[in-house]
Amino acid sequence: RVFGFARYDNYTHAANSESPLFRRNSGMSFG
């Protein structure tokens, strides 16, 4: 069996978006 996936994460309303470690408002994962 073969498979693939994609995932979009949005951090715009994250509770700690003011952290200096936050560098992106969104992220994509795929495999």
PDB file of all heavy atoms in Angstrom:
ATOM      1  N   ARG A   1       0.860  -1.189   0.000  1.00  0.00           N
ATOM      2  CA  ARG A   1       0.000   0.000   0.000  1.00  0.00           C
ATOM      3  C   ARG A   1       0.895   1.237   0.000  1.00  0.00           C
ATOM      4  O   ARG A   1       1.907   1.277   0.693  1.00  0.00           O
ATOM      5  CB  ARG A   1      -0.915   0.020   1.230  1.00  0.00           C
ATOM      6  CG  ARG A   1      -1.851   1.229   1.292  1.00  0.00           C
ATOM      7  CD  ARG A   1      -2.784   1.174   2.488  1.00  0.00           C
ATOM      8  NE  ARG A   1      -3.821   0.168   2.320  1.00  0.00           N
ATOM      9  CZ  ARG A   1      -4.999   0.425   1.751  1.00  0.00           C
ATOM     10  NH1 ARG A   1      -5.265   1.630   1.286  1.00  0.00           N
ATOM     11  NH2 ARG A   1      -5.883  -0.532   1.646  1.00  0.00           N
ATOM     12  N   VAL A   2       0.521   2.246  -0.774  1.00  0.00           N
ATOM     13  CA  VAL A   2       1.253   3.510  -0.800  1.00  0.00           C
ATOM     14  C   VAL A   2       0.333   4.606  -0.272  1.00  0.00           C
ATOM     15  O   VAL A   2      -0.895   4.501  -0.346  1.00  0.00           O
ATOM     16  CB  VAL A   2       1.743   3.859  -2.216  1.00  0.00           C
ATOM     17  CG1 VAL A   2       2.778   2.850  -2.679  1.00  0.00           C
ATOM     18  CG2 VAL A   2       0.587   3.934  -3.199  1.00  0.00           C
ATOM     19  N   PHE A   3       0.921   5.655   0.271  1.00  0.00           N
ATOM     20  CA  PHE A   3       0.118   6.735   0.835  1.00  0.00           C
ATOM     21  C   PHE A   3       0.847   8.062   0.734  1.00  0.00           C
ATOM     22  O   PHE A   3       2.069   8.125   0.540  1.00  0.00           O
ATOM     23  CB  PHE A   3      -0.221   6.452   2.302  1.00  0.00           C
ATOM     24  CG  PHE A   3       0.966   6.493   3.226  1.00  0.00           C
ATOM     25  CD1 PHE A   3       1.373   7.680   3.823  1.00  0.00           C
ATOM     26  CD2 PHE A   3       1.695   5.338   3.502  1.00  0.00           C
ATOM     27  CE1 PHE A   3       2.464   7.719   4.677  1.00  0.00           C
ATOM     28  CE2 PHE A   3       2.786   5.372   4.359  1.00  0.00           C
ATOM     29  CZ  PHE A   3       3.185   6.577   4.941  1.00  0.00           C
ATOM     30  N   GLY A   4       0.091   9.124   0.869  1.00  0.00           N
ATOM     31  CA  GLY A   4       0.647  10.464   0.927  1.00  0.00           C
ATOM     32  C   GLY A   4      -0.237  11.329   1.808  1.00  0.00           C
ATOM     33  O   GLY A   4      -1.423  11.035   1.993  1.00  0.00           O
ATOM     34  N   PHE A   5       0.339  12.388   2.369  1.00  0.00           N
ATOM     35  CA  PHE A   5      -0.454  13.283   3.207  1.00  0.00           C
ATOM     36  C   PHE A   5       0.058  14.714   3.078  1.00  0.00           C
ATOM     37  O   PHE A   5       1.215  14.959   2.698  1.00  0.00           O
ATOM     38  CB  PHE A   5      -0.420  12.848   4.680  1.00  0.00           C
ATOM     39  CG  PHE A   5       0.884  13.140   5.378  1.00  0.00           C
ATOM     40  CD1 PHE A   5       1.072  14.341   6.058  1.00  0.00           C
ATOM     41  CD2 PHE A   5       1.915  12.220   5.376  1.00  0.00           C
ATOM     42  CE1 PHE A   5       2.270  14.619   6.700  1.00  0.00           C
ATOM     43  CE2 PHE A   5       3.115  12.478   6.021  1.00  0.00           C
ATOM     44  CZ  PHE A   5       3.296  13.692   6.684  1.00  0.00           C
ATOM     45  N   ALA A   6      -0.813  15.671   3.387  1.00  0.00           N
ATOM     46  CA  ALA A   6      -0.453  17.081   3.462  1.00  0.00           C
ATOM     47  C   ALA A   6      -1.220  17.686   4.629  1.00  0.00           C
ATOM     48  O   ALA A   6      -2.364  17.300   4.893  1.00  0.00           O
ATOM     49  CB  ALA A   6      -0.786  17.808   2.166  1.00  0.00           C
ATOM     50  N   ARG A   7      -0.590  18.636   5.333  1.00  0.00           N
ATOM     51  CA  ARG A   7      -1.215  19.248   6.501  1.00  0.00           C
ATOM     52  C   ARG A   7      -0.841  20.727   6.549  1.00  0.00           C
ATOM     53  O   ARG A   7       0.325  21.085   6.368  1.00  0.00           O
ATOM     54  CB  ARG A   7      -0.754  18.546   7.769  1.00  0.00           C
ATOM     55  CG  ARG A   7      -1.496  18.972   9.040  1.00  0.00           C
ATOM     56  CD  ARG A   7      -0.988  18.211  10.251  1.00  0.00           C
ATOM     57  NE  ARG A   7       0.361  18.631  10.598  1.00  0.00           N
ATOM     58  CZ  ARG A   7       1.244  17.865  11.225  1.00  0.00           C
ATOM     59  NH1 ARG A   7       0.929  16.629  11.553  1.00  0.00           N
ATOM     60  NH2 ARG A   7       2.445  18.323  11.514  1.00  0.00           N
ATOM     61  N   TYR A   8      -1.857  21.553   6.782  1.00  0.00           N
ATOM     62  CA  TYR A   8      -1.645  22.993   6.923  1.00  0.00           C
ATOM     63  C   TYR A   8      -1.952  23.392   8.355  1.00  0.00           C
ATOM     64  O   TYR A   8      -3.044  23.121   8.867  1.00  0.00           O
ATOM     65  CB  TYR A   8      -2.551  23.759   5.955  1.00  0.00           C
ATOM     66  CG  TYR A   8      -2.568  25.254   6.189  1.00  0.00           C
ATOM     67  CD1 TYR A   8      -1.512  26.056   5.765  1.00  0.00           C
ATOM     68  CD2 TYR A   8      -3.643  25.862   6.835  1.00  0.00           C
ATOM     69  CE1 TYR A   8      -1.521  27.418   5.980  1.00  0.00           C
ATOM     70  CE2 TYR A   8      -3.664  27.234   7.054  1.00  0.00           C
ATOM     71  CZ  TYR A   8      -2.594  28.006   6.618  1.00  0.00           C
ATOM     72  OH  TYR A   8      -2.608  29.359   6.828  1.00  0.00           O
ATOM     73  N   ASP A   9      -0.985  24.042   9.024  1.00  0.00           N
ATOM     74  CA  ASP A   9      -1.158  24.537  10.383  1.00  0.00           C
ATOM     75  C   ASP A   9      -1.152  26.060  10.365  1.00  0.00           C
ATOM     76  O   ASP A   9      -0.265  26.673   9.755  1.00  0.00           O
ATOM     77  CB  ASP A   9      -0.035  24.044  11.295  1.00  0.00           C
ATOM     78  CG  ASP A   9      -0.059  22.541  11.492  1.00  0.00           C
ATOM     79  OD1 ASP A   9      -1.142  21.946  11.396  1.00  0.00           O
ATOM     80  OD2 ASP A   9       1.021  21.952  11.732  1.00  0.00           O
ATOM     81  N   ASN A  10      -2.121  26.669  11.043  1.00  0.00           N
ATOM     82  CA  ASN A  10      -2.201  28.116  11.134  1.00  0.00           C
ATOM     83  C   ASN A  10      -1.971  28.547  12.578  1.00  0.00           C
ATOM     84  O   ASN A  10      -2.636  28.059  13.492  1.00  0.00           O
ATOM     85  CB  ASN A  10      -3.565  28.606  10.631  1.00  0.00           C
ATOM     86  CG  ASN A  10      -3.619  30.120  10.555  1.00  0.00           C
ATOM     87  OD1 ASN A  10      -3.746  30.796  11.564  1.00  0.00           O
ATOM     88  ND2 ASN A  10      -3.529  30.646   9.337  1.00  0.00           N
ATOM     89  N   TYR A  11      -1.012  29.480  12.787  1.00  0.00           N
ATOM     90  CA  TYR A  11      -0.643  29.915  14.130  1.00  0.00           C
ATOM     91  C   TYR A  11      -1.075  31.351  14.424  1.00  0.00           C
ATOM     92  O   TYR A  11      -0.674  31.924  15.441  1.00  0.00           O
ATOM     93  CB  TYR A  11       0.876  29.817  14.318  1.00  0.00           C
ATOM     94  CG  TYR A  11       1.512  28.586  13.750  1.00  0.00           C
ATOM     95  CD1 TYR A  11       2.477  28.667  12.738  1.00  0.00           C
ATOM     96  CD2 TYR A  11       1.163  27.320  14.205  1.00  0.00           C
ATOM     97  CE1 TYR A  11       3.069  27.538  12.213  1.00  0.00           C
ATOM     98  CE2 TYR A  11       1.758  26.183  13.688  1.00  0.00           C
ATOM     99  CZ  TYR A  11       2.714  26.297  12.678  1.00  0.00           C
ATOM    100  OH  TYR A  11       3.291  25.171  12.154  1.00  0.00           O
ATOM    101  N   THR A  12      -1.879  31.945  13.530  1.00  0.00           N
ATOM    102  CA  THR A  12      -2.208  33.368  13.639  1.00  0.00           C
ATOM    103  C   THR A  12      -2.792  33.725  14.998  1.00  0.00           C
ATOM    104  O   THR A  12      -2.465  34.764  15.576  1.00  0.00           O
ATOM    105  CB  THR A  12      -3.191  33.773  12.529  1.00  0.00           C
ATOM    106  OG1 THR A  12      -2.631  33.429  11.256  1.00  0.00           O
ATOM    107  CG2 THR A  12      -3.470  35.262  12.569  1.00  0.00           C
ATOM    108  N   HIS A  13      -3.670  32.862  15.511  1.00  0.00           N
ATOM    109  CA  HIS A  13      -4.347  33.158  16.772  1.00  0.00           C
ATOM    110  C   HIS A  13      -3.747  32.380  17.945  1.00  0.00           C
ATOM    111  O   HIS A  13      -4.400  32.229  18.978  1.00  0.00           O
ATOM    112  CB  HIS A  13      -5.836  32.850  16.637  1.00  0.00           C
ATOM    113  CG  HIS A  13      -6.496  33.618  15.533  1.00  0.00           C
ATOM    114  ND1 HIS A  13      -6.687  34.980  15.594  1.00  0.00           N
ATOM    115  CD2 HIS A  13      -6.984  33.219  14.330  1.00  0.00           C
ATOM    116  CE1 HIS A  13      -7.283  35.398  14.479  1.00  0.00           C
ATOM    117  NE2 HIS A  13      -7.466  34.351  13.703  1.00  0.00           N
ATOM    118  N   ALA A  14      -2.520  31.919  17.789  1.00  0.00           N
ATOM    119  CA  ALA A  14      -1.878  31.163  18.859  1.00  0.00           C
ATOM    120  C   ALA A  14      -1.657  32.041  20.086  1.00  0.00           C
ATOM    121  O   ALA A  14      -1.373  33.242  19.981  1.00  0.00           O
ATOM    122  CB  ALA A  14      -0.542  30.595  18.377  1.00  0.00           C
ATOM    123  N   ALA A  15      -1.773  31.451  21.248  1.00  0.00           N
ATOM    124  CA  ALA A  15      -1.669  32.194  22.502  1.00  0.00           C
ATOM    125  C   ALA A  15      -0.294  32.816  22.696  1.00  0.00           C
ATOM    126  O   ALA A  15      -0.165  33.845  23.379  1.00  0.00           O
ATOM    127  CB  ALA A  15      -2.004  31.273  23.672  1.00  0.00           C
ATOM    128  N   ASN A  16       0.742  32.215  22.103  1.00  0.00           N
ATOM    129  CA  ASN A  16       2.104  32.701  22.316  1.00  0.00           C
ATOM    130  C   ASN A  16       2.765  33.176  21.022  1.00  0.00           C
ATOM    131  O   ASN A  16       3.979  33.043  20.837  1.00  0.00           O
ATOM    132  CB  ASN A  16       2.941  31.595  22.965  1.00  0.00           C
ATOM    133  CG  ASN A  16       2.479  31.275  24.372  1.00  0.00           C
ATOM    134  OD1 ASN A  16       2.771  31.989  25.326  1.00  0.00           O
ATOM    135  ND2 ASN A  16       1.711  30.196  24.499  1.00  0.00           N
ATOM    136  N   SER A  17       1.958  33.764  20.146  1.00  0.00           N
ATOM    137  CA  SER A  17       2.494  34.237  18.866  1.00  0.00           C
ATOM    138  C   SER A  17       3.465  35.406  19.034  1.00  0.00           C
ATOM    139  O   SER A  17       4.184  35.756  18.096  1.00  0.00           O
ATOM    140  CB  SER A  17       1.355  34.643  17.930  1.00  0.00           C
ATOM    141  OG  SER A  17       0.570  35.665  18.522  1.00  0.00           O
ATOM    142  N   GLU A  18       3.513  36.028  20.231  1.00  0.00           N
ATOM    143  CA  GLU A  18       4.455  37.122  20.482  1.00  0.00           C
ATOM    144  C   GLU A  18       5.833  36.609  20.920  1.00  0.00           C
ATOM    145  O   GLU A  18       6.759  37.407  21.084  1.00  0.00           O
ATOM    146  CB  GLU A  18       3.898  38.056  21.565  1.00  0.00           C
ATOM    147  CG  GLU A  18       2.593  38.736  21.189  1.00  0.00           C
ATOM    148  CD  GLU A  18       2.730  39.576  19.933  1.00  0.00           C
ATOM    149  OE1 GLU A  18       3.757  40.285  19.817  1.00  0.00           O
ATOM    150  OE2 GLU A  18       1.835  39.518  19.077  1.00  0.00           O
ATOM    151  N   SER A  19       5.982  35.301  21.097  1.00  0.00           N
ATOM    152  CA  SER A  19       7.281  34.764  21.473  1.00  0.00           C
ATOM    153  C   SER A  19       8.303  35.037  20.370  1.00  0.00           C
ATOM    154  O   SER A  19       7.995  34.917  19.175  1.00  0.00           O
ATOM    155  CB  SER A  19       7.169  33.248  21.707  1.00  0.00           C
ATOM    156  OG  SER A  19       8.458  32.668  21.803  1.00  0.00           O
ATOM    157  N   PRO A  20       9.552  35.398  20.730  1.00  0.00           N
ATOM    158  CA  PRO A  20      10.577  35.590  19.698  1.00  0.00           C
ATOM    159  C   PRO A  20      10.929  34.302  18.957  1.00  0.00           C
ATOM    160  O   PRO A  20      11.592  34.356  17.923  1.00  0.00           O
ATOM    161  CB  PRO A  20      11.780  36.113  20.503  1.00  0.00           C
ATOM    162  CG  PRO A  20      11.544  35.662  21.900  1.00  0.00           C
ATOM    163  CD  PRO A  20      10.054  35.664  22.088  1.00  0.00           C
ATOM    164  N   LEU A  21      10.483  33.162  19.472  1.00  0.00           N
ATOM    165  CA  LEU A  21      10.723  31.895  18.772  1.00  0.00           C
ATOM    166  C   LEU A  21       9.692  31.648  17.681  1.00  0.00           C
ATOM    167  O   LEU A  21       9.855  30.739  16.873  1.00  0.00           O
ATOM    168  CB  LEU A  21      10.715  30.740  19.777  1.00  0.00           C
ATOM    169  CG  LEU A  21      11.750  30.851  20.901  1.00  0.00           C
ATOM    170  CD1 LEU A  21      11.639  29.668  21.845  1.00  0.00           C
ATOM    171  CD2 LEU A  21      13.156  30.962  20.336  1.00  0.00           C
ATOM    172  N   PHE A  22       8.608  32.445  17.674  1.00  0.00           N
ATOM    173  CA  PHE A  22       7.617  32.359  16.610  1.00  0.00           C
ATOM    174  C   PHE A  22       8.142  33.123  15.401  1.00  0.00           C
ATOM    175  O   PHE A  22       8.352  34.336  15.458  1.00  0.00           O
ATOM    176  CB  PHE A  22       6.290  32.975  17.063  1.00  0.00           C
ATOM    177  CG  PHE A  22       5.189  31.975  17.225  1.00  0.00           C
ATOM    178  CD1 PHE A  22       4.786  31.572  18.489  1.00  0.00           C
ATOM    179  CD2 PHE A  22       4.541  31.440  16.132  1.00  0.00           C
ATOM    180  CE1 PHE A  22       3.768  30.648  18.651  1.00  0.00           C
ATOM    181  CE2 PHE A  22       3.525  30.529  16.277  1.00  0.00           C
ATOM    182  CZ  PHE A  22       3.137  30.122  17.547  1.00  0.00           C
ATOM    183  N   ARG A  23       8.334  32.446  14.275  1.00  0.00           N
ATOM    184  CA  ARG A  23       8.873  33.079  13.082  1.00  0.00           C
ATOM    185  C   ARG A  23       7.917  32.997  11.886  1.00  0.00           C
ATOM    186  O   ARG A  23       8.120  33.690  10.899  1.00  0.00           O
ATOM    187  CB  ARG A  23      10.209  32.435  12.710  1.00  0.00           C
ATOM    188  CG  ARG A  23      11.280  32.564  13.808  1.00  0.00           C
ATOM    189  CD  ARG A  23      11.630  34.015  14.057  1.00  0.00           C
ATOM    190  NE  ARG A  23      12.653  34.182  15.090  1.00  0.00           N
ATOM    191  CZ  ARG A  23      13.959  34.235  14.840  1.00  0.00           C
ATOM    192  NH1 ARG A  23      14.412  34.102  13.597  1.00  0.00           N
ATOM    193  NH2 ARG A  23      14.820  34.407  15.835  1.00  0.00           N
ATOM    194  N   ARG A  24       6.898  32.142  11.968  1.00  0.00           N
ATOM    195  CA  ARG A  24       5.958  31.979  10.856  1.00  0.00           C
ATOM    196  C   ARG A  24       4.536  31.961  11.393  1.00  0.00           C
ATOM    197  O   ARG A  24       4.287  31.490  12.510  1.00  0.00           O
ATOM    198  CB  ARG A  24       6.207  30.661  10.115  1.00  0.00           C
ATOM    199  CG  ARG A  24       7.597  30.521   9.513  1.00  0.00           C
ATOM    200  CD  ARG A  24       7.687  31.192   8.179  1.00  0.00           C
ATOM    201  NE  ARG A  24       8.973  30.933   7.536  1.00  0.00           N
ATOM    202  CZ  ARG A  24       9.353  31.447   6.377  1.00  0.00           C
ATOM    203  NH1 ARG A  24       8.514  32.242   5.722  1.00  0.00           N
ATOM    204  NH2 ARG A  24      10.534  31.180   5.873  1.00  0.00           N
ATOM    205  N   ASN A  25       3.591  32.469  10.593  1.00  0.00           N
ATOM    206  CA  ASN A  25       2.178  32.422  10.968  1.00  0.00           C
ATOM    207  C   ASN A  25       1.488  31.152  10.486  1.00  0.00           C
ATOM    208  O   ASN A  25       0.326  30.912  10.810  1.00  0.00           O
ATOM    209  CB  ASN A  25       1.430  33.639  10.418  1.00  0.00           C
ATOM    210  CG  ASN A  25       1.787  34.913  11.170  1.00  0.00           C
ATOM    211  OD1 ASN A  25       2.054  34.870  12.370  1.00  0.00           O
ATOM    212  ND2 ASN A  25       1.816  36.028  10.456  1.00  0.00           N
ATOM    213  N   SER A  26       2.187  30.347   9.690  1.00  0.00           N
ATOM    214  CA  SER A  26       1.608  29.097   9.196  1.00  0.00           C
ATOM    215  C   SER A  26       2.726  28.149   8.819  1.00  0.00           C
ATOM    216  O   SER A  26       3.884  28.557   8.668  1.00  0.00           O
ATOM    217  CB  SER A  26       0.684  29.349   7.985  1.00  0.00           C
ATOM    218  OG  SER A  26       1.434  29.896   6.902  1.00  0.00           O
ATOM    219  N   GLY A  27       2.375  26.899   8.665  1.00  0.00           N
ATOM    220  CA  GLY A  27       3.359  25.900   8.273  1.00  0.00           C
ATOM    221  C   GLY A  27       2.710  24.759   7.522  1.00  0.00           C
ATOM    222  O   GLY A  27       1.557  24.410   7.771  1.00  0.00           O
ATOM    223  N   MET A  28       3.456  24.179   6.593  1.00  0.00           N
ATOM    224  CA  MET A  28       2.980  23.040   5.799  1.00  0.00           C
ATOM    225  C   MET A  28       3.830  21.816   6.105  1.00  0.00           C
ATOM    226  O   MET A  28       5.051  21.911   6.246  1.00  0.00           O
ATOM    227  CB  MET A  28       3.057  23.338   4.305  1.00  0.00           C
ATOM    228  CG  MET A  28       1.979  24.252   3.785  1.00  0.00           C
ATOM    229  SD  MET A  28       0.340  23.494   3.754  1.00  0.00           S
ATOM    230  CE  MET A  28       0.599  22.067   2.692  1.00  0.00           C
ATOM    231  N   SER A  29       3.161  20.677   6.206  1.00  0.00           N
ATOM    232  CA  SER A  29       3.840  19.391   6.337  1.00  0.00           C
ATOM    233  C   SER A  29       3.336  18.474   5.231  1.00  0.00           C
ATOM    234  O   SER A  29       2.162  18.536   4.867  1.00  0.00           O
ATOM    235  CB  SER A  29       3.552  18.745   7.697  1.00  0.00           C
ATOM    236  OG  SER A  29       3.943  19.586   8.760  1.00  0.00           O
ATOM    237  N   PHE A  30       4.212  17.644   4.705  1.00  0.00           N
ATOM    238  CA  PHE A  30       3.785  16.699   3.679  1.00  0.00           C
ATOM    239  C   PHE A  30       4.735  15.510   3.669  1.00  0.00           C
ATOM    240  O   PHE A  30       5.878  15.589   4.133  1.00  0.00           O
ATOM    241  CB  PHE A  30       3.738  17.373   2.294  1.00  0.00           C
ATOM    242  CG  PHE A  30       4.954  18.172   1.946  1.00  0.00           C
ATOM    243  CD1 PHE A  30       6.060  17.579   1.371  1.00  0.00           C
ATOM    244  CD2 PHE A  30       5.003  19.531   2.218  1.00  0.00           C
ATOM    245  CE1 PHE A  30       7.185  18.315   1.051  1.00  0.00           C
ATOM    246  CE2 PHE A  30       6.126  20.285   1.909  1.00  0.00           C
ATOM    247  CZ  PHE A  30       7.225  19.677   1.318  1.00  0.00           C
ATOM    248  N   GLY A  31       4.236  14.401   3.143  1.00  0.00           N
ATOM    249  CA  GLY A  31       5.057  13.206   3.095  1.00  0.00           C
ATOM    250  C   GLY A  31       4.448  12.124   2.239  1.00  0.00           C
ATOM    251  O   GLY A  31       3.267  12.194   1.858  1.00  0.00           O
TER     252      GLY A  31
END
